[in-house]
Amino acid sequence: MAPIELYFWPTPNGWKITLMLEECDLPYNINWVDLSKGEQHQPDFLKISPNGRMPAMIDPEGPDDQPIAIFESGAILQYLGTKAGKFYPQEWRARSEVEQWLYWQVGALGPMGGQAAHFRNYKEDKIDYAIERFTDEVIRLFEVMNEHLTSREYLAGDYSIADMACWPWIRGYKAYGIDLKEYEHLRAWFKRVGGRPAVQRGADIGKEAFKKIQQQAQASI
């Protein structure tokens, strides 16, 4: 099998894909897209990801045995789940449940977490209203997830792409100014997913680069 070409930078959305690739044991190459240098706006990358955002990927062996380029992390997870036949159930009801939580992450947890982290940690001129507004919304989302996990081990039945989509964003809880100890069931889920060897491998990719990014951002404030 030809390796997938992953266009990656160490962010929660990027780690969603490395988690899945590691879980499926699919061969892949990392193509670094340095966001600090604006490489996501380069013409060659825009041909793969028209929105100028990573992650993106090229599968040299697409559904018709021809190369296919895919952007948007949720779409990539669905594609990989279909390709590998893992972590994305075929049964209609089960798939619908997975997709609901996948889209919840893409449409709510990710955007709100990103804004909360930005205004709290990376904005030179602190805007109290923005910090409070986005932090409160992340707290609400954590509460939603915690309540949902009171009666189940994973978000949508068995472990799935929904869990992989959410886990990197929960890992950033400190950047949101939130204490995970306040969410018993969410914390247990976070440890459960984080204990998987493939998750640990996927989450380690680019970790040192991510630390450097954080240090540079803090130094600029």
N, C-alpha and C. Protein backbone atom coordinates (compact mmCIF):
# COMPACT_ATOMS: atom_id res chain seq x y z
N MET A 1 0.85 -1.20 0.00
CA MET A 1 0.00 0.00 0.00
C MET A 1 0.88 1.25 0.00
N ALA A 2 0.60 2.16 -0.92
CA ALA A 2 1.37 3.41 -0.99
C ALA A 2 1.04 4.28 0.22
N PRO A 3 2.04 4.94 0.79
CA PRO A 3 1.78 5.77 1.97
C PRO A 3 0.94 6.99 1.64
N ILE A 4 0.08 7.35 2.57
CA ILE A 4 -0.70 8.57 2.48
C ILE A 4 0.22 9.76 2.77
N GLU A 5 0.04 10.82 2.02
CA GLU A 5 0.80 12.05 2.24
C GLU A 5 -0.04 12.97 3.12
N LEU A 6 0.39 13.13 4.36
CA LEU A 6 -0.34 13.97 5.31
C LEU A 6 0.34 15.33 5.43
N TYR A 7 -0.44 16.38 5.26
CA TYR A 7 0.05 17.75 5.40
C TYR A 7 -0.35 18.21 6.80
N PHE A 8 0.65 18.46 7.63
CA PHE A 8 0.43 18.47 9.08
C PHE A 8 1.21 19.57 9.78
N TRP A 9 0.62 20.08 10.83
CA TRP A 9 1.31 20.90 11.81
C TRP A 9 0.73 20.53 13.17
N PRO A 10 1.52 20.57 14.25
CA PRO A 10 1.05 20.06 15.54
C PRO A 10 -0.01 20.95 16.19
N THR A 11 -1.24 20.71 15.85
CA THR A 11 -2.40 21.36 16.43
C THR A 11 -3.43 20.27 16.72
N PRO A 12 -4.46 20.57 17.51
CA PRO A 12 -5.48 19.55 17.76
C PRO A 12 -6.07 18.95 16.49
N ASN A 13 -6.33 19.78 15.49
CA ASN A 13 -6.89 19.23 14.25
C ASN A 13 -5.90 18.33 13.53
N GLY A 14 -4.63 18.67 13.60
CA GLY A 14 -3.63 17.80 12.99
C GLY A 14 -3.52 16.47 13.71
N TRP A 15 -3.55 16.52 15.04
CA TRP A 15 -3.42 15.28 15.81
C TRP A 15 -4.62 14.35 15.62
N LYS A 16 -5.77 14.90 15.34
CA LYS A 16 -6.92 14.04 15.05
C LYS A 16 -6.57 13.02 13.97
N ILE A 17 -5.82 13.47 12.98
CA ILE A 17 -5.52 12.60 11.84
C ILE A 17 -4.38 11.64 12.17
N THR A 18 -3.36 12.09 12.88
CA THR A 18 -2.28 11.17 13.22
C THR A 18 -2.78 10.08 14.17
N LEU A 19 -3.72 10.41 15.04
CA LEU A 19 -4.32 9.38 15.89
C LEU A 19 -4.98 8.30 15.03
N MET A 20 -5.76 8.73 14.06
CA MET A 20 -6.49 7.78 13.21
C MET A 20 -5.54 6.95 12.36
N LEU A 21 -4.54 7.58 11.79
CA LEU A 21 -3.58 6.84 10.96
C LEU A 21 -2.84 5.79 11.79
N GLU A 22 -2.48 6.16 13.00
CA GLU A 22 -1.80 5.20 13.87
C GLU A 22 -2.75 4.08 14.30
N GLU A 23 -3.98 4.42 14.60
CA GLU A 23 -4.95 3.40 15.01
C GLU A 23 -5.20 2.39 13.88
N CYS A 24 -5.24 2.87 12.66
CA CYS A 24 -5.52 2.01 11.51
C CYS A 24 -4.27 1.34 10.96
N ASP A 25 -3.11 1.74 11.49
CA ASP A 25 -1.83 1.19 11.02
C ASP A 25 -1.66 1.41 9.52
N LEU A 26 -2.06 2.60 9.07
CA LEU A 26 -1.91 2.95 7.66
C LEU A 26 -0.56 3.64 7.46
N PRO A 27 0.17 3.31 6.41
CA PRO A 27 1.45 3.99 6.16
C PRO A 27 1.23 5.43 5.74
N TYR A 28 2.06 6.33 6.23
CA TYR A 28 1.92 7.74 5.86
C TYR A 28 3.24 8.48 6.01
N ASN A 29 3.34 9.55 5.25
CA ASN A 29 4.47 10.46 5.34
C ASN A 29 3.98 11.81 5.85
N ILE A 30 4.79 12.43 6.69
CA ILE A 30 4.46 13.77 7.19
C ILE A 30 5.05 14.82 6.28
N ASN A 31 4.21 15.74 5.82
CA ASN A 31 4.65 16.93 5.10
C ASN A 31 4.34 18.11 6.01
N TRP A 32 5.37 18.72 6.55
CA TRP A 32 5.17 19.78 7.54
C TRP A 32 4.67 21.06 6.87
N VAL A 33 3.61 21.61 7.42
CA VAL A 33 3.06 22.89 6.96
C VAL A 33 3.22 23.87 8.12
N ASP A 34 4.28 24.65 8.08
CA ASP A 34 4.62 25.53 9.20
C ASP A 34 3.70 26.75 9.19
N LEU A 35 2.74 26.75 10.10
CA LEU A 35 1.77 27.84 10.16
C LEU A 35 2.42 29.15 10.57
N SER A 36 3.49 29.07 11.36
CA SER A 36 4.17 30.29 11.81
C SER A 36 4.84 31.02 10.66
N LYS A 37 5.11 30.31 9.57
CA LYS A 37 5.72 30.91 8.39
C LYS A 37 4.71 31.15 7.27
N GLY A 38 3.44 30.86 7.54
CA GLY A 38 2.41 31.09 6.55
C GLY A 38 2.42 30.11 5.39
N GLU A 39 3.01 28.94 5.61
CA GLU A 39 3.11 27.97 4.51
C GLU A 39 1.76 27.44 4.06
N GLN A 40 0.73 27.62 4.89
CA GLN A 40 -0.61 27.16 4.51
C GLN A 40 -1.22 28.02 3.41
N HIS A 41 -0.57 29.16 3.12
CA HIS A 41 -1.08 30.05 2.07
C HIS A 41 -0.32 29.91 0.76
N GLN A 42 0.64 29.00 0.71
CA GLN A 42 1.42 28.81 -0.51
C GLN A 42 0.56 28.17 -1.60
N PRO A 43 0.77 28.58 -2.86
CA PRO A 43 -0.07 28.07 -3.96
C PRO A 43 -0.12 26.55 -4.05
N ASP A 44 1.00 25.89 -3.84
CA ASP A 44 1.00 24.43 -3.95
C ASP A 44 0.10 23.79 -2.90
N PHE A 45 0.12 24.36 -1.69
CA PHE A 45 -0.74 23.80 -0.64
C PHE A 45 -2.21 24.13 -0.90
N LEU A 46 -2.47 25.31 -1.43
CA LEU A 46 -3.86 25.69 -1.71
C LEU A 46 -4.50 24.81 -2.77
N LYS A 47 -3.69 24.18 -3.60
CA LYS A 47 -4.23 23.23 -4.57
C LYS A 47 -4.80 22.00 -3.87
N ILE A 48 -4.26 21.70 -2.69
CA ILE A 48 -4.72 20.54 -1.92
C ILE A 48 -5.81 20.96 -0.94
N SER A 49 -5.61 22.11 -0.31
CA SER A 49 -6.56 22.62 0.68
C SER A 49 -6.95 24.04 0.30
N PRO A 50 -8.00 24.21 -0.49
CA PRO A 50 -8.37 25.54 -0.99
C PRO A 50 -8.65 26.56 0.10
N ASN A 51 -9.02 26.09 1.29
CA ASN A 51 -9.31 27.00 2.40
C ASN A 51 -8.04 27.45 3.12
N GLY A 52 -6.89 26.92 2.73
CA GLY A 52 -5.64 27.32 3.35
C GLY A 52 -5.53 26.92 4.80
N ARG A 53 -6.08 25.76 5.13
CA ARG A 53 -6.01 25.25 6.49
C ARG A 53 -5.52 23.81 6.45
N MET A 54 -4.80 23.44 7.50
CA MET A 54 -4.39 22.05 7.62
C MET A 54 -5.21 21.43 8.76
N PRO A 55 -5.29 20.11 8.79
CA PRO A 55 -4.60 19.12 7.96
C PRO A 55 -5.25 18.95 6.59
N ALA A 56 -4.48 18.35 5.72
CA ALA A 56 -4.97 17.91 4.42
C ALA A 56 -4.17 16.66 4.07
N MET A 57 -4.64 15.93 3.08
CA MET A 57 -3.93 14.70 2.73
C MET A 57 -4.14 14.35 1.27
N ILE A 58 -3.22 13.58 0.76
CA ILE A 58 -3.35 12.97 -0.56
C ILE A 58 -3.21 11.47 -0.39
N ASP A 59 -4.20 10.75 -0.88
CA ASP A 59 -4.11 9.29 -0.91
C ASP A 59 -3.76 8.89 -2.34
N PRO A 60 -2.56 8.37 -2.58
CA PRO A 60 -2.17 7.98 -3.94
C PRO A 60 -3.04 6.86 -4.51
N GLU A 61 -3.69 6.13 -3.61
CA GLU A 61 -4.53 5.01 -4.03
C GLU A 61 -5.96 5.28 -3.57
N GLY A 62 -6.63 6.20 -4.28
CA GLY A 62 -7.99 6.57 -3.94
C GLY A 62 -9.00 5.49 -4.28
N PRO A 63 -10.29 5.80 -4.12
CA PRO A 63 -11.34 4.81 -4.35
C PRO A 63 -11.31 4.19 -5.75
N ASP A 64 -10.87 4.96 -6.74
CA ASP A 64 -10.80 4.47 -8.12
C ASP A 64 -9.36 4.16 -8.52
N ASP A 65 -8.52 3.94 -7.51
CA ASP A 65 -7.09 3.68 -7.71
C ASP A 65 -6.35 4.87 -8.28
N GLN A 66 -6.97 6.04 -8.20
CA GLN A 66 -6.34 7.28 -8.62
C GLN A 66 -6.13 8.18 -7.39
N PRO A 67 -5.12 9.05 -7.42
CA PRO A 67 -4.88 9.93 -6.27
C PRO A 67 -6.10 10.80 -5.95
N ILE A 68 -6.30 11.03 -4.68
CA ILE A 68 -7.39 11.91 -4.23
C ILE A 68 -6.86 12.80 -3.12
N ALA A 69 -7.18 14.09 -3.21
CA ALA A 69 -6.80 15.06 -2.18
C ALA A 69 -8.02 15.38 -1.33
N ILE A 70 -7.82 15.46 -0.03
CA ILE A 70 -8.92 15.73 0.89
C ILE A 70 -8.47 16.76 1.91
N PHE A 71 -9.31 17.77 2.12
CA PHE A 71 -9.06 18.72 3.19
C PHE A 71 -10.27 18.70 4.14
N GLU A 72 -10.14 19.36 5.28
CA GLU A 72 -11.09 19.36 6.40
C GLU A 72 -10.93 18.08 7.21
N SER A 73 -10.59 18.26 8.49
CA SER A 73 -10.23 17.13 9.35
C SER A 73 -11.36 16.13 9.52
N GLY A 74 -12.60 16.61 9.62
CA GLY A 74 -13.72 15.68 9.76
C GLY A 74 -13.89 14.81 8.53
N ALA A 75 -13.76 15.42 7.36
CA ALA A 75 -13.87 14.66 6.12
C ALA A 75 -12.73 13.65 5.99
N ILE A 76 -11.55 14.03 6.45
CA ILE A 76 -10.41 13.10 6.39
C ILE A 76 -10.66 11.90 7.28
N LEU A 77 -11.18 12.13 8.49
CA LEU A 77 -11.47 11.02 9.39
C LEU A 77 -12.50 10.07 8.78
N GLN A 78 -13.53 10.63 8.17
CA GLN A 78 -14.54 9.78 7.54
C GLN A 78 -13.94 8.99 6.38
N TYR A 79 -13.11 9.63 5.60
CA TYR A 79 -12.48 8.94 4.48
C TYR A 79 -11.60 7.80 4.96
N LEU A 80 -10.76 8.08 5.96
CA LEU A 80 -9.86 7.04 6.46
C LEU A 80 -10.63 5.90 7.10
N GLY A 81 -11.72 6.23 7.80
CA GLY A 81 -12.54 5.19 8.39
C GLY A 81 -13.16 4.29 7.35
N THR A 82 -13.57 4.89 6.24
CA THR A 82 -14.14 4.11 5.14
C THR A 82 -13.06 3.28 4.45
N LYS A 83 -11.90 3.89 4.24
CA LYS A 83 -10.81 3.19 3.56
C LYS A 83 -10.33 1.98 4.37
N ALA A 84 -10.14 2.20 5.67
CA ALA A 84 -9.60 1.13 6.52
C ALA A 84 -10.68 0.17 7.01
N GLY A 85 -11.94 0.62 6.96
CA GLY A 85 -13.01 -0.20 7.51
C GLY A 85 -12.94 -0.31 9.02
N LYS A 86 -12.46 0.75 9.66
CA LYS A 86 -12.30 0.74 11.12
C LYS A 86 -12.78 2.05 11.73
N PHE A 87 -13.36 1.96 12.92
CA PHE A 87 -13.69 3.10 13.76
C PHE A 87 -14.76 4.01 13.15
N TYR A 88 -15.44 3.54 12.11
CA TYR A 88 -16.50 4.30 11.45
C TYR A 88 -17.53 3.28 10.99
N PRO A 89 -18.50 2.96 11.85
CA PRO A 89 -19.38 1.81 11.60
C PRO A 89 -20.18 1.91 10.32
N GLN A 90 -20.47 0.76 9.77
CA GLN A 90 -21.26 0.69 8.55
C GLN A 90 -22.76 0.76 8.84
N GLU A 91 -23.16 0.20 9.97
CA GLU A 91 -24.59 0.17 10.30
C GLU A 91 -25.11 1.60 10.44
N TRP A 92 -26.27 1.85 9.86
CA TRP A 92 -26.78 3.21 9.69
C TRP A 92 -26.93 3.94 11.02
N ARG A 93 -27.59 3.32 11.99
CA ARG A 93 -27.83 3.98 13.27
C ARG A 93 -26.52 4.29 14.00
N ALA A 94 -25.62 3.32 14.01
CA ALA A 94 -24.34 3.51 14.69
C ALA A 94 -23.52 4.60 14.00
N ARG A 95 -23.54 4.61 12.67
CA ARG A 95 -22.79 5.64 11.94
C ARG A 95 -23.36 7.02 12.21
N SER A 96 -24.68 7.11 12.27
CA SER A 96 -25.31 8.40 12.54
C SER A 96 -24.88 8.95 13.89
N GLU A 97 -24.78 8.09 14.90
CA GLU A 97 -24.37 8.54 16.22
C GLU A 97 -22.92 9.03 16.20
N VAL A 98 -22.07 8.31 15.51
CA VAL A 98 -20.67 8.75 15.39
C VAL A 98 -20.59 10.11 14.70
N GLU A 99 -21.35 10.27 13.63
CA GLU A 99 -21.30 11.52 12.86
C GLU A 99 -21.83 12.69 13.67
N GLN A 100 -22.83 12.47 14.51
CA GLN A 100 -23.35 13.56 15.34
C GLN A 100 -22.26 14.13 16.25
N TRP A 101 -21.50 13.24 16.88
CA TRP A 101 -20.45 13.72 17.78
C TRP A 101 -19.23 14.23 17.03
N LEU A 102 -18.98 13.69 15.86
CA LEU A 102 -17.91 14.23 15.01
C LEU A 102 -18.23 15.67 14.62
N TYR A 103 -19.46 15.90 14.17
CA TYR A 103 -19.84 17.25 13.75
C TYR A 103 -19.96 18.20 14.94
N TRP A 104 -20.31 17.65 16.10
CA TRP A 104 -20.33 18.46 17.33
C TRP A 104 -18.94 18.99 17.62
N GLN A 105 -17.95 18.14 17.44
CA GLN A 105 -16.58 18.60 17.66
C GLN A 105 -16.17 19.63 16.63
N VAL A 106 -16.43 19.35 15.37
CA VAL A 106 -16.02 20.24 14.29
C VAL A 106 -16.73 21.59 14.38
N GLY A 107 -18.01 21.57 14.78
CA GLY A 107 -18.79 22.80 14.78
C GLY A 107 -18.83 23.54 16.09
N ALA A 108 -18.45 22.88 17.20
CA ALA A 108 -18.59 23.51 18.50
C ALA A 108 -17.31 23.43 19.33
N LEU A 109 -16.91 22.23 19.73
CA LEU A 109 -15.77 22.09 20.63
C LEU A 109 -14.50 22.68 20.04
N GLY A 110 -14.22 22.41 18.78
CA GLY A 110 -13.01 22.93 18.15
C GLY A 110 -13.00 24.45 18.04
N PRO A 111 -14.02 25.04 17.41
CA PRO A 111 -14.03 26.49 17.27
C PRO A 111 -14.03 27.24 18.60
N MET A 112 -14.83 26.78 19.55
CA MET A 112 -14.89 27.47 20.84
C MET A 112 -13.59 27.28 21.63
N GLY A 113 -13.04 26.07 21.59
CA GLY A 113 -11.77 25.84 22.26
C GLY A 113 -10.65 26.68 21.66
N GLY A 114 -10.64 26.77 20.35
CA GLY A 114 -9.62 27.56 19.68
C GLY A 114 -9.69 29.03 20.05
N GLN A 115 -10.91 29.58 20.10
CA GLN A 115 -11.07 30.98 20.46
C GLN A 115 -10.74 31.23 21.92
N ALA A 116 -11.15 30.30 22.79
CA ALA A 116 -10.84 30.46 24.22
C ALA A 116 -9.34 30.47 24.45
N ALA A 117 -8.63 29.56 23.80
CA ALA A 117 -7.17 29.50 23.94
C ALA A 117 -6.51 30.74 23.36
N HIS A 118 -7.01 31.21 22.23
CA HIS A 118 -6.42 32.38 21.58
C HIS A 118 -6.52 33.62 22.45
N PHE A 119 -7.73 33.93 22.90
CA PHE A 119 -7.92 35.17 23.65
C PHE A 119 -7.30 35.10 25.04
N ARG A 120 -7.18 33.91 25.60
CA ARG A 120 -6.60 33.77 26.93
C ARG A 120 -5.07 33.79 26.89
N ASN A 121 -4.48 33.20 25.85
CA ASN A 121 -3.03 32.96 25.86
C ASN A 121 -2.23 33.70 24.80
N TYR A 122 -2.85 34.04 23.67
CA TYR A 122 -2.06 34.53 22.55
C TYR A 122 -2.38 35.96 22.14
N LYS A 123 -3.43 36.53 22.69
CA LYS A 123 -3.80 37.90 22.33
C LYS A 123 -3.07 38.88 23.25
N GLU A 124 -2.31 39.78 22.61
CA GLU A 124 -1.51 40.72 23.40
C GLU A 124 -2.40 41.64 24.24
N ASP A 125 -3.43 42.18 23.61
CA ASP A 125 -4.37 43.05 24.33
C ASP A 125 -5.52 42.19 24.85
N LYS A 126 -5.53 41.94 26.15
CA LYS A 126 -6.54 41.07 26.73
C LYS A 126 -7.93 41.71 26.64
N ILE A 127 -8.87 40.93 26.18
CA ILE A 127 -10.26 41.38 26.07
C ILE A 127 -11.08 40.51 27.01
N ASP A 128 -11.42 41.06 28.15
CA ASP A 128 -12.08 40.27 29.19
C ASP A 128 -13.37 39.64 28.70
N TYR A 129 -14.14 40.41 27.94
CA TYR A 129 -15.41 39.87 27.46
C TYR A 129 -15.19 38.63 26.60
N ALA A 130 -14.21 38.69 25.69
CA ALA A 130 -13.96 37.56 24.80
C ALA A 130 -13.47 36.35 25.59
N ILE A 131 -12.57 36.57 26.55
CA ILE A 131 -12.08 35.46 27.36
C ILE A 131 -13.23 34.80 28.11
N GLU A 132 -14.07 35.62 28.73
CA GLU A 132 -15.19 35.07 29.50
C GLU A 132 -16.20 34.38 28.60
N ARG A 133 -16.50 35.00 27.48
CA ARG A 133 -17.50 34.46 26.56
C ARG A 133 -17.10 33.08 26.05
N PHE A 134 -15.88 32.94 25.55
CA PHE A 134 -15.47 31.66 24.97
C PHE A 134 -15.15 30.62 26.04
N THR A 135 -14.62 31.05 27.17
CA THR A 135 -14.36 30.10 28.25
C THR A 135 -15.67 29.53 28.77
N ASP A 136 -16.67 30.37 28.95
CA ASP A 136 -17.97 29.89 29.42
C ASP A 136 -18.57 28.88 28.45
N GLU A 137 -18.38 29.11 27.16
CA GLU A 137 -18.94 28.19 26.18
C GLU A 137 -18.19 26.86 26.19
N VAL A 138 -16.87 26.90 26.37
CA VAL A 138 -16.12 25.65 26.48
C VAL A 138 -16.54 24.89 27.73
N ILE A 139 -16.75 25.59 28.83
CA ILE A 139 -17.23 24.95 30.05
C ILE A 139 -18.56 24.25 29.78
N ARG A 140 -19.45 24.92 29.08
CA ARG A 140 -20.74 24.31 28.75
C ARG A 140 -20.55 23.05 27.93
N LEU A 141 -19.65 23.10 26.96
CA LEU A 141 -19.41 21.93 26.11
C LEU A 141 -18.78 20.79 26.91
N PHE A 142 -17.89 21.12 27.81
CA PHE A 142 -17.31 20.09 28.69
C PHE A 142 -18.41 19.43 29.52
N GLU A 143 -19.35 20.24 29.99
CA GLU A 143 -20.46 19.71 30.78
C GLU A 143 -21.35 18.80 29.94
N VAL A 144 -21.58 19.18 28.71
CA VAL A 144 -22.37 18.33 27.79
C VAL A 144 -21.69 16.98 27.62
N MET A 145 -20.40 17.01 27.37
CA MET A 145 -19.65 15.78 27.14
C MET A 145 -19.58 14.94 28.41
N ASN A 146 -19.36 15.59 29.54
CA ASN A 146 -19.28 14.88 30.81
C ASN A 146 -20.59 14.16 31.12
N GLU A 147 -21.69 14.85 30.91
CA GLU A 147 -23.01 14.24 31.16
C GLU A 147 -23.26 13.08 30.22
N HIS A 148 -22.90 13.24 28.98
CA HIS A 148 -23.11 12.17 27.99
C HIS A 148 -22.31 10.92 28.35
N LEU A 149 -21.17 11.11 28.97
CA LEU A 149 -20.28 9.98 29.28
C LEU A 149 -20.58 9.33 30.63
N THR A 150 -21.63 9.76 31.29
CA THR A 150 -21.96 9.14 32.58
C THR A 150 -22.36 7.68 32.42
N SER A 151 -22.89 7.32 31.28
CA SER A 151 -23.42 5.96 31.11
C SER A 151 -22.74 5.19 29.98
N ARG A 152 -21.57 5.66 29.55
CA ARG A 152 -20.88 4.98 28.44
C ARG A 152 -19.38 5.26 28.51
N GLU A 153 -18.63 4.37 27.90
CA GLU A 153 -17.17 4.51 27.91
C GLU A 153 -16.67 5.41 26.79
N TYR A 154 -17.40 5.42 25.67
CA TYR A 154 -16.99 6.22 24.51
C TYR A 154 -18.18 7.05 24.03
N LEU A 155 -17.92 8.00 23.17
CA LEU A 155 -18.95 8.96 22.79
C LEU A 155 -20.10 8.34 22.01
N ALA A 156 -19.80 7.36 21.18
CA ALA A 156 -20.83 6.83 20.28
C ALA A 156 -20.72 5.31 20.21
N GLY A 157 -21.06 4.65 21.32
CA GLY A 157 -20.96 3.20 21.32
C GLY A 157 -19.52 2.76 21.47
N ASP A 158 -19.02 2.07 20.47
CA ASP A 158 -17.62 1.64 20.48
C ASP A 158 -16.69 2.83 20.20
N TYR A 159 -15.44 2.67 20.54
CA TYR A 159 -14.41 3.66 20.22
C TYR A 159 -14.43 3.96 18.73
N SER A 160 -14.38 5.25 18.38
CA SER A 160 -14.59 5.63 16.98
C SER A 160 -13.86 6.93 16.65
N ILE A 161 -14.04 7.36 15.41
CA ILE A 161 -13.46 8.63 14.97
C ILE A 161 -14.01 9.81 15.77
N ALA A 162 -15.18 9.67 16.37
CA ALA A 162 -15.71 10.74 17.21
C ALA A 162 -14.82 10.97 18.42
N ASP A 163 -14.35 9.90 19.03
CA ASP A 163 -13.44 10.02 20.17
C ASP A 163 -12.11 10.62 19.74
N MET A 164 -11.61 10.18 18.59
CA MET A 164 -10.33 10.70 18.10
C MET A 164 -10.43 12.18 17.75
N ALA A 165 -11.60 12.61 17.28
CA ALA A 165 -11.78 14.02 16.94
C ALA A 165 -11.78 14.90 18.19
N CYS A 166 -12.39 14.41 19.25
CA CYS A 166 -12.54 15.22 20.46
C CYS A 166 -11.32 15.20 21.37
N TRP A 167 -10.63 14.08 21.41
CA TRP A 167 -9.56 13.92 22.41
C TRP A 167 -8.48 15.01 22.34
N PRO A 168 -7.95 15.36 21.17
CA PRO A 168 -6.90 16.40 21.16
C PRO A 168 -7.40 17.75 21.66
N TRP A 169 -8.68 18.02 21.48
CA TRP A 169 -9.23 19.28 21.95
C TRP A 169 -9.45 19.28 23.45
N ILE A 170 -9.79 18.13 24.02
CA ILE A 170 -9.88 18.04 25.47
C ILE A 170 -8.49 18.13 26.09
N ARG A 171 -7.50 17.60 25.40
CA ARG A 171 -6.12 17.66 25.90
C ARG A 171 -5.68 19.10 26.13
N GLY A 172 -6.27 20.05 25.43
CA GLY A 172 -5.89 21.45 25.59
C GLY A 172 -6.59 22.17 26.72
N TYR A 173 -7.17 21.44 27.66
CA TYR A 173 -8.00 22.06 28.70
C TYR A 173 -7.28 23.16 29.49
N LYS A 174 -5.99 23.00 29.72
CA LYS A 174 -5.27 24.02 30.49
C LYS A 174 -5.22 25.35 29.74
N ALA A 175 -5.14 25.28 28.42
CA ALA A 175 -5.11 26.50 27.62
C ALA A 175 -6.44 27.25 27.67
N TYR A 176 -7.51 26.54 28.06
CA TYR A 176 -8.83 27.17 28.18
C TYR A 176 -9.07 27.70 29.59
N GLY A 177 -8.11 27.46 30.50
CA GLY A 177 -8.30 27.88 31.88
C GLY A 177 -9.28 27.02 32.64
N ILE A 178 -9.35 25.73 32.28
CA ILE A 178 -10.32 24.81 32.87
C ILE A 178 -9.58 23.69 33.60
N ASP A 179 -10.15 23.27 34.72
CA ASP A 179 -9.60 22.15 35.49
C ASP A 179 -10.40 20.90 35.16
N LEU A 180 -9.75 19.92 34.57
CA LEU A 180 -10.44 18.70 34.15
C LEU A 180 -10.92 17.88 35.35
N LYS A 181 -10.38 18.13 36.52
CA LYS A 181 -10.79 17.37 37.71
C LYS A 181 -12.26 17.59 38.04
N GLU A 182 -12.83 18.66 37.54
CA GLU A 182 -14.22 18.96 37.83
C GLU A 182 -15.19 18.10 37.02
N TYR A 183 -14.66 17.31 36.07
CA TYR A 183 -15.52 16.55 35.16
C TYR A 183 -15.14 15.07 35.26
N GLU A 184 -15.77 14.38 36.19
CA GLU A 184 -15.38 13.01 36.52
C GLU A 184 -15.42 12.08 35.32
N HIS A 185 -16.52 12.09 34.60
CA HIS A 185 -16.70 11.12 33.52
C HIS A 185 -15.88 11.51 32.29
N LEU A 186 -15.77 12.79 32.05
CA LEU A 186 -14.93 13.26 30.95
C LEU A 186 -13.47 12.94 31.22
N ARG A 187 -13.05 13.14 32.46
CA ARG A 187 -11.66 12.84 32.83
C ARG A 187 -11.35 11.35 32.66
N ALA A 188 -12.30 10.49 33.06
CA ALA A 188 -12.10 9.04 32.90
C ALA A 188 -12.00 8.67 31.43
N TRP A 189 -12.84 9.27 30.61
CA TRP A 189 -12.79 9.02 29.16
C TRP A 189 -11.46 9.49 28.59
N PHE A 190 -11.01 10.68 29.01
CA PHE A 190 -9.76 11.24 28.52
C PHE A 190 -8.59 10.30 28.82
N LYS A 191 -8.56 9.75 30.02
CA LYS A 191 -7.50 8.82 30.39
C LYS A 191 -7.63 7.51 29.62
N ARG A 192 -8.86 7.07 29.44
CA ARG A 192 -9.09 5.81 28.73
C ARG A 192 -8.59 5.90 27.29
N VAL A 193 -8.98 6.95 26.61
CA VAL A 193 -8.54 7.12 25.22
C VAL A 193 -7.03 7.38 25.17
N GLY A 194 -6.54 8.20 26.06
CA GLY A 194 -5.12 8.54 26.08
C GLY A 194 -4.22 7.39 26.44
N GLY A 195 -4.79 6.33 27.00
CA GLY A 195 -4.00 5.16 27.33
C GLY A 195 -3.77 4.21 26.18
N ARG A 196 -4.42 4.47 25.06
CA ARG A 196 -4.25 3.61 23.90
C ARG A 196 -2.88 3.86 23.26
N PRO A 197 -2.12 2.82 22.96
CA PRO A 197 -0.78 3.02 22.38
C PRO A 197 -0.79 3.84 21.10
N ALA A 198 -1.77 3.61 20.23
CA ALA A 198 -1.81 4.36 18.97
C ALA A 198 -2.08 5.84 19.21
N VAL A 199 -2.91 6.15 20.20
CA VAL A 199 -3.17 7.54 20.54
C VAL A 199 -1.90 8.20 21.07
N GLN A 200 -1.17 7.49 21.89
CA GLN A 200 0.08 8.03 22.41
C GLN A 200 1.09 8.30 21.29
N ARG A 201 1.16 7.38 20.34
CA ARG A 201 2.08 7.60 19.21
C ARG A 201 1.64 8.79 18.37
N GLY A 202 0.36 8.85 18.05
CA GLY A 202 -0.14 9.93 17.22
C GLY A 202 -0.01 11.29 17.89
N ALA A 203 -0.23 11.32 19.21
CA ALA A 203 -0.17 12.58 19.94
C ALA A 203 1.25 13.08 20.15
N ASP A 204 2.22 12.19 20.02
CA ASP A 204 3.62 12.59 20.20
C ASP A 204 4.21 13.26 18.96
N ILE A 205 3.56 13.11 17.83
CA ILE A 205 4.11 13.65 16.59
C ILE A 205 4.08 15.18 16.63
N GLY A 206 5.24 15.77 16.48
CA GLY A 206 5.34 17.23 16.49
C GLY A 206 5.23 17.86 17.86
N LYS A 207 5.32 17.06 18.92
CA LYS A 207 5.11 17.60 20.27
C LYS A 207 6.15 18.66 20.63
N GLU A 208 7.40 18.43 20.26
CA GLU A 208 8.45 19.40 20.59
C GLU A 208 8.25 20.70 19.82
N ALA A 209 7.81 20.58 18.57
CA ALA A 209 7.54 21.78 17.79
C ALA A 209 6.39 22.57 18.41
N PHE A 210 5.40 21.87 18.93
CA PHE A 210 4.26 22.53 19.56
C PHE A 210 4.69 23.30 20.81
N LYS A 211 5.57 22.71 21.60
CA LYS A 211 6.07 23.39 22.79
C LYS A 211 6.80 24.68 22.41
N LYS A 212 7.57 24.61 21.32
CA LYS A 212 8.30 25.79 20.87
C LYS A 212 7.34 26.88 20.42
N ILE A 213 6.26 26.48 19.74
CA ILE A 213 5.25 27.45 19.31
C ILE A 213 4.65 28.16 20.51
N GLN A 214 4.31 27.39 21.54
CA GLN A 214 3.72 27.97 22.75
C GLN A 214 4.68 28.94 23.42
N GLN A 215 5.94 28.58 23.49
CA GLN A 215 6.94 29.44 24.12
C GLN A 215 7.11 30.74 23.35
N GLN A 216 7.13 30.64 22.03
CA GLN A 216 7.28 31.84 21.20
C GLN A 216 6.07 32.75 21.34
N ALA A 217 4.89 32.14 21.40
CA ALA A 217 3.67 32.93 21.53
C ALA A 217 3.64 33.66 22.87
N GLN A 218 4.01 32.96 23.94
CA GLN A 218 4.02 33.58 25.26
C GLN A 218 5.06 34.70 25.33
N ALA A 219 6.20 34.50 24.68
CA ALA A 219 7.26 35.50 24.71
C ALA A 219 6.87 36.77 23.97
N SER A 220 5.95 36.65 23.02
CA SER A 220 5.56 37.80 22.22
C SER A 220 4.49 38.65 22.89
N ILE A 221 3.91 38.12 23.97
CA ILE A 221 2.83 38.86 24.64
C ILE A 221 3.42 39.89 25.60
